[in-house]
Amino acid sequence: MADDEFHVRTAIDVAAHPDRVWDALVDEPAAWWGAPYLMLGGPSSIDLPLRAGEPVVEHLGAASALWGVVTACEPGRAYSWRGQMGMGASAEGEVRIVLEPAPGGTRVTLAHDGAVLWGGEGAALERSYDAGWADLLRRLRAFVETGARYGAAGSNAAPER
């Protein structure tokens, strides 16, 4: 891997039908997405629109922050967006989340590929985003399976493993 790029791959199994996981993913992100993975702090909300070209935006009161722009949406199956996603002006990436039926529920697979435009911090970003996305997927699973809210609309903290 070149030091100006990064590639994150993580997956988790969720004991629920893909439709339920999809609804939680795109309709209820504040239930599972929260600190420290917010650009504005908490308690923010994040809009995950369902049409390509629309902005993925974090809101906190009158403030807003652009996470990126939706590049693809296949309802019930896949969602992706491209942008800076809190990485700063020197980096850009694309996140793709895919839901697939699996024994006992749904396999959620996330890929985040990015490039550092200057500064050569790809390896550090990869380590940071690898841990962060794994944590967020655990929060998503906890919300879907138990109703626990670890996002900005709940405890805003990581679930116990």
N, C-alpha and C. Protein backbone atom coordinates (compact mmCIF):
# COMPACT_ATOMS: atom_id res chain seq x y z
N MET A 1 0.84 -1.18 0.00
CA MET A 1 0.00 0.00 0.00
C MET A 1 0.89 1.24 0.00
N ALA A 2 0.58 2.16 -0.87
CA ALA A 2 1.29 3.44 -0.88
C ALA A 2 0.87 4.24 0.34
N ASP A 3 1.78 5.09 0.83
CA ASP A 3 1.47 5.86 2.04
C ASP A 3 0.48 6.99 1.78
N ASP A 4 0.06 7.15 0.52
CA ASP A 4 -0.92 8.19 0.24
C ASP A 4 -2.32 7.61 0.03
N GLU A 5 -2.52 6.35 0.42
CA GLU A 5 -3.85 5.74 0.29
C GLU A 5 -4.11 4.83 1.49
N PHE A 6 -5.38 4.46 1.64
CA PHE A 6 -5.73 3.51 2.69
C PHE A 6 -6.93 2.70 2.24
N HIS A 7 -7.05 1.49 2.81
CA HIS A 7 -8.12 0.56 2.45
C HIS A 7 -8.57 -0.14 3.73
N VAL A 8 -9.81 0.06 4.09
CA VAL A 8 -10.38 -0.56 5.28
C VAL A 8 -11.44 -1.57 4.84
N ARG A 9 -11.42 -2.75 5.43
CA ARG A 9 -12.44 -3.77 5.19
C ARG A 9 -12.84 -4.31 6.55
N THR A 10 -14.13 -4.31 6.82
CA THR A 10 -14.61 -4.89 8.06
C THR A 10 -16.02 -5.43 7.81
N ALA A 11 -16.40 -6.42 8.58
CA ALA A 11 -17.72 -7.04 8.42
C ALA A 11 -18.21 -7.51 9.78
N ILE A 12 -19.53 -7.63 9.86
CA ILE A 12 -20.14 -8.09 11.11
C ILE A 12 -21.45 -8.80 10.75
N ASP A 13 -21.80 -9.81 11.53
CA ASP A 13 -23.08 -10.49 11.35
C ASP A 13 -24.08 -9.94 12.35
N VAL A 14 -25.30 -9.69 11.85
CA VAL A 14 -26.37 -9.13 12.67
C VAL A 14 -27.53 -10.12 12.64
N ALA A 15 -28.06 -10.45 13.81
CA ALA A 15 -29.15 -11.42 13.92
C ALA A 15 -30.49 -10.73 13.65
N ALA A 16 -30.68 -10.34 12.40
CA ALA A 16 -31.93 -9.70 11.98
C ALA A 16 -32.02 -9.77 10.46
N HIS A 17 -33.23 -9.66 9.96
CA HIS A 17 -33.47 -9.66 8.52
C HIS A 17 -32.81 -8.44 7.88
N PRO A 18 -32.30 -8.58 6.64
CA PRO A 18 -31.68 -7.43 5.98
C PRO A 18 -32.55 -6.17 5.93
N ASP A 19 -33.87 -6.33 5.81
CA ASP A 19 -34.74 -5.14 5.79
C ASP A 19 -34.65 -4.36 7.09
N ARG A 20 -34.60 -5.05 8.22
CA ARG A 20 -34.48 -4.36 9.52
C ARG A 20 -33.13 -3.67 9.65
N VAL A 21 -32.07 -4.35 9.20
CA VAL A 21 -30.74 -3.75 9.26
C VAL A 21 -30.68 -2.51 8.37
N TRP A 22 -31.25 -2.60 7.18
CA TRP A 22 -31.29 -1.46 6.26
C TRP A 22 -32.01 -0.27 6.90
N ASP A 23 -33.17 -0.54 7.49
CA ASP A 23 -33.93 0.55 8.12
C ASP A 23 -33.11 1.23 9.21
N ALA A 24 -32.44 0.45 10.03
CA ALA A 24 -31.60 1.03 11.09
C ALA A 24 -30.44 1.81 10.49
N LEU A 25 -29.85 1.27 9.45
CA LEU A 25 -28.70 1.91 8.82
C LEU A 25 -29.05 3.29 8.29
N VAL A 26 -30.09 3.39 7.48
CA VAL A 26 -30.36 4.66 6.79
C VAL A 26 -31.41 5.54 7.46
N ASP A 27 -32.34 4.94 8.21
CA ASP A 27 -33.41 5.74 8.82
C ASP A 27 -33.12 6.16 10.26
N GLU A 28 -32.24 5.43 10.94
CA GLU A 28 -32.00 5.70 12.37
C GLU A 28 -30.51 5.80 12.72
N PRO A 29 -29.71 6.51 11.94
CA PRO A 29 -28.28 6.55 12.24
C PRO A 29 -27.95 7.17 13.59
N ALA A 30 -28.76 8.08 14.09
CA ALA A 30 -28.48 8.69 15.40
C ALA A 30 -28.57 7.67 16.53
N ALA A 31 -29.24 6.53 16.29
CA ALA A 31 -29.34 5.49 17.31
C ALA A 31 -28.02 4.73 17.47
N TRP A 32 -27.19 4.70 16.43
CA TRP A 32 -25.96 3.91 16.50
C TRP A 32 -24.70 4.69 16.14
N TRP A 33 -24.81 5.82 15.47
CA TRP A 33 -23.63 6.60 15.06
C TRP A 33 -23.47 7.77 16.01
N GLY A 34 -22.33 7.85 16.67
CA GLY A 34 -22.11 8.93 17.63
C GLY A 34 -20.63 9.14 17.91
N ALA A 35 -20.36 9.81 19.03
CA ALA A 35 -19.00 10.17 19.42
C ALA A 35 -18.14 8.92 19.57
N PRO A 36 -16.90 9.01 19.22
CA PRO A 36 -16.16 10.19 18.75
C PRO A 36 -16.16 10.35 17.24
N TYR A 37 -17.11 9.74 16.56
CA TYR A 37 -17.13 9.72 15.09
C TYR A 37 -18.06 10.78 14.52
N LEU A 38 -17.99 11.96 15.05
CA LEU A 38 -18.80 13.08 14.59
C LEU A 38 -17.88 14.27 14.34
N MET A 39 -18.22 15.08 13.36
CA MET A 39 -17.42 16.26 13.08
C MET A 39 -17.83 17.44 13.95
N LEU A 40 -19.10 17.50 14.35
CA LEU A 40 -19.60 18.64 15.11
C LEU A 40 -19.71 18.37 16.60
N GLY A 41 -19.43 17.16 17.03
CA GLY A 41 -19.65 16.81 18.42
C GLY A 41 -21.05 16.25 18.60
N GLY A 42 -21.46 16.09 19.83
CA GLY A 42 -22.79 15.51 20.02
C GLY A 42 -23.71 16.50 20.64
N PRO A 43 -24.97 16.25 20.71
CA PRO A 43 -25.69 15.16 20.04
C PRO A 43 -26.09 15.56 18.62
N SER A 44 -25.33 15.15 17.67
CA SER A 44 -25.58 15.45 16.27
C SER A 44 -26.54 14.44 15.67
N SER A 45 -27.02 14.76 14.49
CA SER A 45 -27.77 13.79 13.70
C SER A 45 -27.14 13.75 12.32
N ILE A 46 -27.26 12.62 11.66
CA ILE A 46 -26.68 12.46 10.33
C ILE A 46 -27.78 12.05 9.37
N ASP A 47 -27.85 12.75 8.25
CA ASP A 47 -28.80 12.41 7.19
C ASP A 47 -28.11 11.52 6.18
N LEU A 48 -28.69 10.35 5.92
CA LEU A 48 -28.20 9.43 4.90
C LEU A 48 -29.28 9.33 3.82
N PRO A 49 -29.29 10.27 2.86
CA PRO A 49 -30.34 10.28 1.84
C PRO A 49 -30.23 9.09 0.90
N LEU A 50 -31.31 8.79 0.21
CA LEU A 50 -31.39 7.57 -0.59
C LEU A 50 -31.20 7.78 -2.08
N ARG A 51 -30.74 8.96 -2.50
CA ARG A 51 -30.56 9.22 -3.93
C ARG A 51 -29.13 9.65 -4.21
N ALA A 52 -28.56 9.08 -5.27
CA ALA A 52 -27.21 9.46 -5.68
C ALA A 52 -27.17 10.96 -5.97
N GLY A 53 -26.08 11.58 -5.55
CA GLY A 53 -25.90 13.02 -5.75
C GLY A 53 -26.34 13.87 -4.59
N GLU A 54 -27.08 13.28 -3.64
CA GLU A 54 -27.53 14.05 -2.48
C GLU A 54 -26.45 14.04 -1.39
N PRO A 55 -26.41 15.08 -0.56
CA PRO A 55 -25.35 15.19 0.45
C PRO A 55 -25.63 14.35 1.70
N VAL A 56 -24.56 13.77 2.24
CA VAL A 56 -24.59 13.13 3.55
C VAL A 56 -24.14 14.23 4.52
N VAL A 57 -25.05 14.64 5.41
CA VAL A 57 -24.81 15.83 6.24
C VAL A 57 -25.02 15.51 7.71
N GLU A 58 -24.12 16.03 8.54
CA GLU A 58 -24.27 15.98 9.99
C GLU A 58 -24.84 17.32 10.44
N HIS A 59 -25.80 17.29 11.38
CA HIS A 59 -26.44 18.50 11.89
C HIS A 59 -26.29 18.57 13.40
N LEU A 60 -26.04 19.77 13.89
CA LEU A 60 -26.04 20.05 15.32
C LEU A 60 -26.60 21.46 15.47
N GLY A 61 -27.87 21.53 15.85
CA GLY A 61 -28.53 22.83 15.92
C GLY A 61 -28.52 23.47 14.54
N ALA A 62 -28.07 24.72 14.45
CA ALA A 62 -28.02 25.43 13.17
C ALA A 62 -26.76 25.09 12.38
N ALA A 63 -25.81 24.38 12.98
CA ALA A 63 -24.56 24.03 12.30
C ALA A 63 -24.73 22.76 11.47
N SER A 64 -23.95 22.65 10.41
CA SER A 64 -23.95 21.43 9.61
C SER A 64 -22.55 21.18 9.07
N ALA A 65 -22.28 19.91 8.77
CA ALA A 65 -20.99 19.51 8.20
C ALA A 65 -21.25 18.48 7.11
N LEU A 66 -20.62 18.67 5.98
CA LEU A 66 -20.78 17.76 4.84
C LEU A 66 -19.82 16.59 4.98
N TRP A 67 -20.37 15.39 5.04
CA TRP A 67 -19.55 14.18 5.10
C TRP A 67 -19.19 13.69 3.70
N GLY A 68 -20.06 13.95 2.75
CA GLY A 68 -19.82 13.50 1.39
C GLY A 68 -21.10 13.55 0.59
N VAL A 69 -21.08 12.87 -0.54
CA VAL A 69 -22.21 12.84 -1.46
C VAL A 69 -22.51 11.38 -1.79
N VAL A 70 -23.78 11.01 -1.75
CA VAL A 70 -24.19 9.64 -2.06
C VAL A 70 -23.78 9.30 -3.50
N THR A 71 -23.08 8.19 -3.67
CA THR A 71 -22.68 7.75 -5.00
C THR A 71 -23.55 6.60 -5.51
N ALA A 72 -24.15 5.83 -4.61
CA ALA A 72 -25.03 4.74 -5.01
C ALA A 72 -25.91 4.33 -3.85
N CYS A 73 -27.13 3.97 -4.17
CA CYS A 73 -28.05 3.46 -3.16
C CYS A 73 -28.91 2.38 -3.80
N GLU A 74 -28.78 1.17 -3.29
CA GLU A 74 -29.61 0.05 -3.70
C GLU A 74 -30.41 -0.34 -2.46
N PRO A 75 -31.61 0.22 -2.29
CA PRO A 75 -32.37 0.00 -1.05
C PRO A 75 -32.43 -1.47 -0.64
N GLY A 76 -32.13 -1.68 0.64
CA GLY A 76 -32.12 -3.01 1.19
C GLY A 76 -30.85 -3.79 0.96
N ARG A 77 -29.93 -3.23 0.14
CA ARG A 77 -28.74 -3.99 -0.21
C ARG A 77 -27.42 -3.24 -0.07
N ALA A 78 -27.32 -2.01 -0.59
CA ALA A 78 -26.02 -1.33 -0.58
C ALA A 78 -26.17 0.18 -0.53
N TYR A 79 -25.19 0.82 0.10
CA TYR A 79 -25.18 2.28 0.24
C TYR A 79 -23.74 2.75 0.17
N SER A 80 -23.48 3.79 -0.62
CA SER A 80 -22.12 4.32 -0.67
C SER A 80 -22.13 5.82 -0.83
N TRP A 81 -21.06 6.43 -0.31
CA TRP A 81 -20.87 7.86 -0.47
C TRP A 81 -19.39 8.17 -0.56
N ARG A 82 -19.09 9.34 -1.15
CA ARG A 82 -17.72 9.79 -1.35
C ARG A 82 -17.58 11.18 -0.76
N GLY A 83 -16.45 11.41 -0.09
CA GLY A 83 -16.18 12.73 0.46
C GLY A 83 -15.03 12.70 1.43
N GLN A 84 -14.90 13.78 2.20
CA GLN A 84 -13.81 13.90 3.16
C GLN A 84 -14.10 13.19 4.47
N MET A 85 -15.34 13.04 4.85
CA MET A 85 -15.75 12.25 6.01
C MET A 85 -14.94 12.53 7.26
N GLY A 86 -14.67 13.78 7.54
CA GLY A 86 -13.94 14.12 8.74
C GLY A 86 -12.45 13.90 8.65
N MET A 87 -11.95 13.56 7.47
CA MET A 87 -10.52 13.28 7.32
C MET A 87 -9.70 14.55 7.11
N GLY A 88 -10.36 15.68 6.93
CA GLY A 88 -9.63 16.91 6.67
C GLY A 88 -9.52 17.17 5.18
N ALA A 89 -9.08 18.36 4.86
CA ALA A 89 -9.03 18.79 3.46
C ALA A 89 -8.02 18.01 2.63
N SER A 90 -7.08 17.33 3.27
CA SER A 90 -6.04 16.65 2.50
C SER A 90 -6.39 15.21 2.13
N ALA A 91 -7.60 14.76 2.42
CA ALA A 91 -7.95 13.36 2.14
C ALA A 91 -9.38 13.27 1.61
N GLU A 92 -9.61 12.22 0.84
CA GLU A 92 -10.95 11.94 0.33
C GLU A 92 -11.09 10.43 0.22
N GLY A 93 -12.31 9.95 0.38
CA GLY A 93 -12.51 8.52 0.28
C GLY A 93 -13.93 8.17 -0.09
N GLU A 94 -14.16 6.88 -0.28
CA GLU A 94 -15.49 6.37 -0.55
C GLU A 94 -15.77 5.20 0.38
N VAL A 95 -16.96 5.23 0.97
CA VAL A 95 -17.43 4.16 1.85
C VAL A 95 -18.54 3.41 1.13
N ARG A 96 -18.49 2.09 1.18
CA ARG A 96 -19.56 1.26 0.61
C ARG A 96 -19.95 0.24 1.67
N ILE A 97 -21.25 0.21 1.97
CA ILE A 97 -21.79 -0.73 2.93
C ILE A 97 -22.73 -1.67 2.18
N VAL A 98 -22.50 -2.97 2.32
CA VAL A 98 -23.30 -3.97 1.61
C VAL A 98 -23.96 -4.88 2.64
N LEU A 99 -25.25 -5.14 2.45
CA LEU A 99 -26.01 -6.06 3.30
C LEU A 99 -26.32 -7.31 2.49
N GLU A 100 -26.03 -8.48 3.07
CA GLU A 100 -26.31 -9.74 2.40
C GLU A 100 -26.97 -10.69 3.38
N PRO A 101 -28.00 -11.42 2.93
CA PRO A 101 -28.58 -12.43 3.80
C PRO A 101 -27.50 -13.43 4.22
N ALA A 102 -27.55 -13.83 5.47
CA ALA A 102 -26.59 -14.79 6.01
C ALA A 102 -27.36 -15.72 6.95
N PRO A 103 -26.80 -16.89 7.25
CA PRO A 103 -27.49 -17.77 8.20
C PRO A 103 -27.76 -17.03 9.51
N GLY A 104 -29.01 -16.99 9.90
CA GLY A 104 -29.38 -16.32 11.15
C GLY A 104 -29.53 -14.82 11.05
N GLY A 105 -29.42 -14.24 9.85
CA GLY A 105 -29.59 -12.80 9.76
C GLY A 105 -28.95 -12.16 8.56
N THR A 106 -28.07 -11.19 8.83
CA THR A 106 -27.51 -10.35 7.77
C THR A 106 -26.01 -10.18 7.98
N ARG A 107 -25.28 -10.28 6.91
CA ARG A 107 -23.84 -9.95 6.92
C ARG A 107 -23.72 -8.51 6.42
N VAL A 108 -23.11 -7.65 7.25
CA VAL A 108 -22.87 -6.25 6.90
C VAL A 108 -21.38 -6.12 6.61
N THR A 109 -21.06 -5.74 5.38
CA THR A 109 -19.67 -5.59 4.97
C THR A 109 -19.42 -4.13 4.60
N LEU A 110 -18.35 -3.58 5.12
CA LEU A 110 -18.01 -2.18 4.86
C LEU A 110 -16.62 -2.10 4.24
N ALA A 111 -16.51 -1.31 3.18
CA ALA A 111 -15.23 -1.01 2.55
C ALA A 111 -15.06 0.50 2.54
N HIS A 112 -13.91 0.98 2.95
CA HIS A 112 -13.59 2.41 2.93
C HIS A 112 -12.23 2.56 2.27
N ASP A 113 -12.23 3.11 1.07
CA ASP A 113 -10.99 3.33 0.32
C ASP A 113 -10.78 4.83 0.21
N GLY A 114 -9.55 5.26 0.47
CA GLY A 114 -9.29 6.68 0.44
C GLY A 114 -7.90 7.01 -0.04
N ALA A 115 -7.71 8.28 -0.31
CA ALA A 115 -6.42 8.79 -0.75
C ALA A 115 -6.11 10.08 0.01
N VAL A 116 -4.86 10.21 0.37
CA VAL A 116 -4.36 11.42 1.01
C VAL A 116 -3.74 12.26 -0.10
N LEU A 117 -4.24 13.47 -0.29
CA LEU A 117 -3.78 14.29 -1.39
C LEU A 117 -2.39 14.85 -1.14
N TRP A 118 -2.05 15.09 0.12
CA TRP A 118 -0.69 15.48 0.51
C TRP A 118 -0.49 15.12 1.97
N GLY A 119 0.74 14.91 2.36
CA GLY A 119 1.02 14.61 3.76
C GLY A 119 1.34 13.17 4.06
N GLY A 120 1.00 12.23 3.16
CA GLY A 120 1.38 10.84 3.33
C GLY A 120 0.95 10.20 4.64
N GLU A 121 -0.30 10.33 5.02
CA GLU A 121 -0.79 9.78 6.29
C GLU A 121 -1.70 8.58 6.09
N GLY A 122 -1.58 7.90 4.97
CA GLY A 122 -2.49 6.81 4.67
C GLY A 122 -2.53 5.71 5.71
N ALA A 123 -1.37 5.28 6.19
CA ALA A 123 -1.32 4.18 7.16
C ALA A 123 -1.99 4.58 8.47
N ALA A 124 -1.77 5.80 8.92
CA ALA A 124 -2.40 6.27 10.17
C ALA A 124 -3.91 6.37 10.01
N LEU A 125 -4.37 6.90 8.86
CA LEU A 125 -5.81 6.98 8.62
C LEU A 125 -6.42 5.59 8.56
N GLU A 126 -5.74 4.65 7.93
CA GLU A 126 -6.26 3.29 7.83
C GLU A 126 -6.46 2.67 9.21
N ARG A 127 -5.48 2.81 10.09
CA ARG A 127 -5.61 2.26 11.45
C ARG A 127 -6.79 2.92 12.18
N SER A 128 -6.89 4.22 12.06
CA SER A 128 -7.95 4.95 12.75
C SER A 128 -9.34 4.56 12.23
N TYR A 129 -9.50 4.55 10.91
CA TYR A 129 -10.81 4.23 10.35
C TYR A 129 -11.15 2.75 10.52
N ASP A 130 -10.16 1.87 10.51
CA ASP A 130 -10.42 0.45 10.74
C ASP A 130 -11.06 0.25 12.11
N ALA A 131 -10.48 0.84 13.13
CA ALA A 131 -11.04 0.73 14.49
C ALA A 131 -12.38 1.43 14.59
N GLY A 132 -12.50 2.58 13.99
CA GLY A 132 -13.75 3.35 14.07
C GLY A 132 -14.92 2.67 13.39
N TRP A 133 -14.71 2.19 12.17
CA TRP A 133 -15.81 1.52 11.48
C TRP A 133 -16.22 0.24 12.19
N ALA A 134 -15.25 -0.52 12.72
CA ALA A 134 -15.59 -1.74 13.47
C ALA A 134 -16.46 -1.39 14.67
N ASP A 135 -16.12 -0.31 15.37
CA ASP A 135 -16.91 0.14 16.52
C ASP A 135 -18.32 0.54 16.08
N LEU A 136 -18.43 1.31 15.00
CA LEU A 136 -19.75 1.74 14.55
C LEU A 136 -20.61 0.55 14.12
N LEU A 137 -20.02 -0.44 13.48
CA LEU A 137 -20.80 -1.63 13.10
C LEU A 137 -21.25 -2.41 14.33
N ARG A 138 -20.43 -2.46 15.38
CA ARG A 138 -20.87 -3.10 16.64
C ARG A 138 -22.05 -2.33 17.23
N ARG A 139 -22.02 -1.01 17.15
CA ARG A 139 -23.13 -0.19 17.65
C ARG A 139 -24.40 -0.45 16.83
N LEU A 140 -24.24 -0.54 15.51
CA LEU A 140 -25.39 -0.85 14.65
C LEU A 140 -25.98 -2.20 15.03
N ARG A 141 -25.13 -3.21 15.20
CA ARG A 141 -25.61 -4.54 15.59
C ARG A 141 -26.34 -4.50 16.93
N ALA A 142 -25.77 -3.82 17.91
CA ALA A 142 -26.41 -3.73 19.23
C ALA A 142 -27.77 -3.07 19.13
N PHE A 143 -27.88 -2.02 18.33
CA PHE A 143 -29.17 -1.34 18.17
C PHE A 143 -30.19 -2.26 17.52
N VAL A 144 -29.81 -2.92 16.45
CA VAL A 144 -30.75 -3.79 15.74
C VAL A 144 -31.16 -4.98 16.60
N GLU A 145 -30.20 -5.61 17.27
CA GLU A 145 -30.49 -6.84 18.01
C GLU A 145 -31.14 -6.59 19.36
N THR A 146 -30.79 -5.51 20.03
CA THR A 146 -31.28 -5.31 21.41
C THR A 146 -31.99 -3.99 21.64
N GLY A 147 -31.91 -3.08 20.68
CA GLY A 147 -32.50 -1.75 20.87
C GLY A 147 -31.59 -0.79 21.61
N ALA A 148 -30.39 -1.25 22.00
CA ALA A 148 -29.44 -0.38 22.71
C ALA A 148 -29.00 0.76 21.80
N ARG A 149 -29.05 1.96 22.32
CA ARG A 149 -28.69 3.16 21.55
C ARG A 149 -27.34 3.68 22.01
N TYR A 150 -26.32 3.40 21.21
CA TYR A 150 -24.97 3.86 21.52
C TYR A 150 -24.59 5.06 20.66
N GLY A 151 -25.50 5.56 19.86
CA GLY A 151 -25.23 6.71 19.01
C GLY A 151 -25.55 8.01 19.70
N ALA A 152 -25.56 9.09 18.92
CA ALA A 152 -25.78 10.43 19.45
C ALA A 152 -27.14 10.56 20.13
N ALA A 153 -28.12 9.74 19.74
CA ALA A 153 -29.45 9.79 20.34
C ALA A 153 -29.57 8.86 21.55
N GLY A 154 -28.45 8.34 22.01
CA GLY A 154 -28.45 7.44 23.16
C GLY A 154 -27.29 7.75 24.08
N SER A 155 -26.56 6.71 24.47
CA SER A 155 -25.44 6.91 25.40
C SER A 155 -24.24 7.56 24.75
N ASN A 156 -24.20 7.56 23.40
CA ASN A 156 -23.12 8.21 22.65
C ASN A 156 -21.76 7.64 23.05
N ALA A 157 -21.70 6.32 23.20
CA ALA A 157 -20.46 5.65 23.61
C ALA A 157 -20.42 4.26 22.99
N ALA A 158 -19.25 3.67 23.00
CA ALA A 158 -19.08 2.33 22.44
C ALA A 158 -19.75 1.29 23.32
N PRO A 159 -20.36 0.26 22.71
CA PRO A 159 -20.93 -0.82 23.51
C PRO A 159 -19.82 -1.68 24.10
N GLU A 160 -20.13 -2.33 25.19
CA GLU A 160 -19.18 -3.29 25.75
C GLU A 160 -19.15 -4.49 24.82
N ARG A 161 -17.99 -5.07 24.69
CA ARG A 161 -17.85 -6.19 23.73
C ARG A 161 -18.40 -7.45 24.26
